[in-house]
Amino acid sequence: MRVQVTMIWRYSNAQEKGQDEETVHEIEQEHDGVHMGREYPMHGVYPSQEGKTKQRQEEIIQNQARQEQYIDRLGDIVEKHGQYIDRIRDLYENLYGQHTTFNQQQSHQLAKIEAQLKGLWVHVIATPPYAPGDASPHPPYRTSPY
């Protein structure tokens, strides 16, 4: 189908000529597939793009839903790790308390033993003073054959 379209192009050349007149140019062209009675959508949305746009919107919505699920799972994981950290902290605090109690008990028990030993030394016969002549003989010093 061929449609003849007459386009009128108007511009003011008053500044160029120094006059107040408008020039009208008529351009006649033949266009295939141009339907004068049909309205075309604005902003570049054509029927061929409409399906792609809806498909893209669905993909975006699905991606957003997946991201929300992922963020929710991450939140759950962070909460669970927080609980694990709290449990470990409680275990270490308990272990530290047991260790401190054990050390105090052992220190007290060692102090008792030391006091008992000091009391026993009073009753033990004192050792004689050191006499170099009574010392056991030492083997003679020999140089190494190497």
Protein backbone atom coordinates (compact mmCIF):
# COMPACT_ATOMS: atom_id res chain seq x y z
CA MET A 1 0.00 0.00 0.00
CA ARG A 2 1.40 3.36 -0.94
CA VAL A 3 0.34 6.53 0.75
CA GLN A 4 1.27 9.93 -0.45
CA VAL A 5 2.05 12.30 2.40
CA THR A 6 2.39 16.00 1.99
CA MET A 7 4.59 17.57 4.62
CA ILE A 8 4.65 21.30 5.10
CA TRP A 9 7.80 22.74 6.57
CA ARG A 10 7.60 26.28 7.83
CA TYR A 11 10.29 28.37 9.28
CA SER A 12 10.86 32.00 9.80
CA ASN A 13 13.72 33.48 7.90
CA ALA A 14 12.90 37.01 8.94
CA GLN A 15 16.20 37.36 10.72
CA GLU A 16 18.12 36.23 7.65
CA LYS A 17 16.34 38.49 5.22
CA GLY A 18 15.54 41.24 7.65
CA GLN A 19 11.84 40.85 6.82
CA ASP A 20 8.80 39.65 8.69
CA GLU A 21 7.73 36.82 6.42
CA GLU A 22 7.34 33.07 6.69
CA THR A 23 8.46 30.74 3.96
CA VAL A 24 6.41 27.62 3.31
CA HIS A 25 8.01 24.60 1.67
CA GLU A 26 5.92 21.71 0.51
CA ILE A 27 7.59 18.32 0.28
CA GLU A 28 5.74 15.42 -1.21
CA GLN A 29 6.96 11.93 -0.41
CA GLU A 30 5.59 8.48 -0.82
CA HIS A 31 5.88 6.14 2.20
CA ASP A 32 5.15 2.47 2.39
CA GLY A 33 3.30 1.21 5.46
CA VAL A 34 2.32 4.60 6.88
CA HIS A 35 -1.27 4.59 8.02
CA MET A 36 -2.54 8.08 8.54
CA GLY A 37 -5.63 7.06 10.47
CA ARG A 38 -3.76 4.99 13.04
CA GLU A 39 -2.39 6.37 16.31
CA TYR A 40 1.01 5.15 17.39
CA PRO A 41 2.04 4.83 21.05
CA MET A 42 4.26 7.49 22.54
CA HIS A 43 7.70 7.21 24.18
CA GLY A 44 9.01 4.39 22.04
CA VAL A 45 6.54 1.79 23.24
CA TYR A 46 5.55 -0.19 20.20
CA PRO A 47 3.53 -3.40 20.13
CA SER A 48 6.69 -5.43 19.51
CA GLN A 49 8.28 -3.97 22.65
CA GLU A 50 5.21 -4.34 24.85
CA GLY A 51 5.66 -8.09 25.38
CA LYS A 52 9.35 -7.62 26.12
CA THR A 53 8.58 -4.90 28.64
CA LYS A 54 6.07 -7.08 30.49
CA GLN A 55 8.50 -9.99 30.43
CA ARG A 56 11.27 -7.75 31.79
CA GLN A 57 8.95 -6.47 34.54
CA GLU A 58 8.16 -10.05 35.54
CA GLU A 59 11.89 -10.87 35.65
CA ILE A 60 12.55 -7.83 37.83
CA ILE A 61 9.73 -8.79 40.20
CA GLN A 62 11.04 -12.37 40.42
CA ASN A 63 14.58 -11.11 41.09
CA GLN A 64 13.30 -8.80 43.82
CA ALA A 65 11.39 -11.68 45.42
CA ARG A 66 14.51 -13.89 45.32
CA GLN A 67 16.63 -11.10 46.80
CA GLU A 68 14.10 -10.58 49.61
CA GLN A 69 14.17 -14.31 50.38
CA TYR A 70 17.98 -14.25 50.32
CA ILE A 71 18.10 -11.26 52.68
CA ASP A 72 15.61 -13.01 55.00
CA ARG A 73 17.80 -16.14 55.03
CA LEU A 74 20.88 -14.02 55.72
CA GLY A 75 19.04 -12.38 58.63
CA ASP A 76 18.16 -15.80 60.02
CA ILE A 77 21.78 -16.95 59.65
CA VAL A 78 23.08 -13.83 61.39
CA GLU A 79 20.61 -14.37 64.24
CA LYS A 80 21.63 -18.03 64.56
CA HIS A 81 25.33 -17.10 64.61
CA GLY A 82 24.56 -14.53 67.30
CA GLN A 83 22.99 -17.29 69.38
CA TYR A 84 26.05 -19.51 68.83
CA ILE A 85 28.34 -16.69 69.92
CA ASP A 86 26.23 -16.11 73.05
CA ARG A 87 26.41 -19.83 73.90
CA ILE A 88 30.19 -19.92 73.41
CA ARG A 89 30.59 -16.79 75.57
CA ASP A 90 28.49 -18.40 78.32
CA LEU A 91 30.57 -21.60 78.12
CA TYR A 92 33.84 -19.65 78.38
CA GLU A 93 32.53 -17.61 81.31
CA ASN A 94 31.51 -20.84 83.06
CA LEU A 95 34.88 -22.44 82.28
CA TYR A 96 36.72 -19.34 83.54
CA GLY A 97 34.72 -19.47 86.79
CA GLN A 98 35.52 -23.17 87.27
CA HIS A 99 39.21 -22.55 86.50
CA THR A 100 39.40 -19.66 88.98
CA THR A 101 37.71 -21.72 91.70
CA PHE A 102 40.05 -24.68 91.04
CA ASN A 103 43.14 -22.43 91.22
CA GLN A 104 41.98 -20.91 94.49
CA GLN A 105 41.33 -24.35 96.00
CA GLN A 106 44.71 -25.67 94.87
CA SER A 107 46.54 -22.56 96.11
CA HIS A 108 44.85 -22.90 99.49
CA GLN A 109 45.71 -26.63 99.65
CA LEU A 110 49.37 -25.95 98.71
CA ALA A 111 49.56 -23.24 101.39
CA LYS A 112 48.33 -25.79 103.98
CA ILE A 113 50.92 -28.35 102.86
CA GLU A 114 53.68 -25.74 103.03
CA ALA A 115 52.63 -24.78 106.58
CA GLN A 116 52.63 -28.45 107.62
CA LEU A 117 56.13 -28.95 106.17
CA LYS A 118 57.44 -25.91 108.02
CA GLY A 119 56.02 -27.36 111.24
CA LEU A 120 57.71 -30.72 110.59
CA TRP A 121 61.15 -29.21 109.98
CA VAL A 122 61.22 -27.94 113.52
CA HIS A 123 61.15 -31.53 114.79
CA VAL A 124 63.67 -32.90 112.29
CA ILE A 125 67.28 -33.11 113.42
CA ALA A 126 69.26 -30.36 111.84
CA THR A 127 71.81 -31.41 109.27
CA PRO A 128 75.47 -31.01 110.26
CA PRO A 129 77.37 -28.02 108.84
CA TYR A 130 79.28 -28.54 105.61
CA ALA A 131 82.87 -29.73 106.02
CA PRO A 132 85.00 -29.80 102.84
CA GLY A 133 87.08 -32.68 104.14
CA ASP A 134 84.02 -34.83 104.55
CA ALA A 135 82.88 -34.27 100.98
CA SER A 136 82.79 -37.26 98.70
CA PRO A 137 85.70 -37.54 96.28
CA HIS A 138 85.15 -36.19 92.78
CA PRO A 139 86.57 -37.91 89.75
CA PRO A 140 89.68 -36.18 88.37
CA TYR A 141 89.16 -33.75 85.53
CA ARG A 142 90.26 -35.11 82.22
CA THR A 143 90.57 -33.29 78.98
CA SER A 144 88.76 -34.56 75.99
CA PRO A 145 90.93 -36.63 73.60
CA TYR A 146 89.54 -34.70 70.63
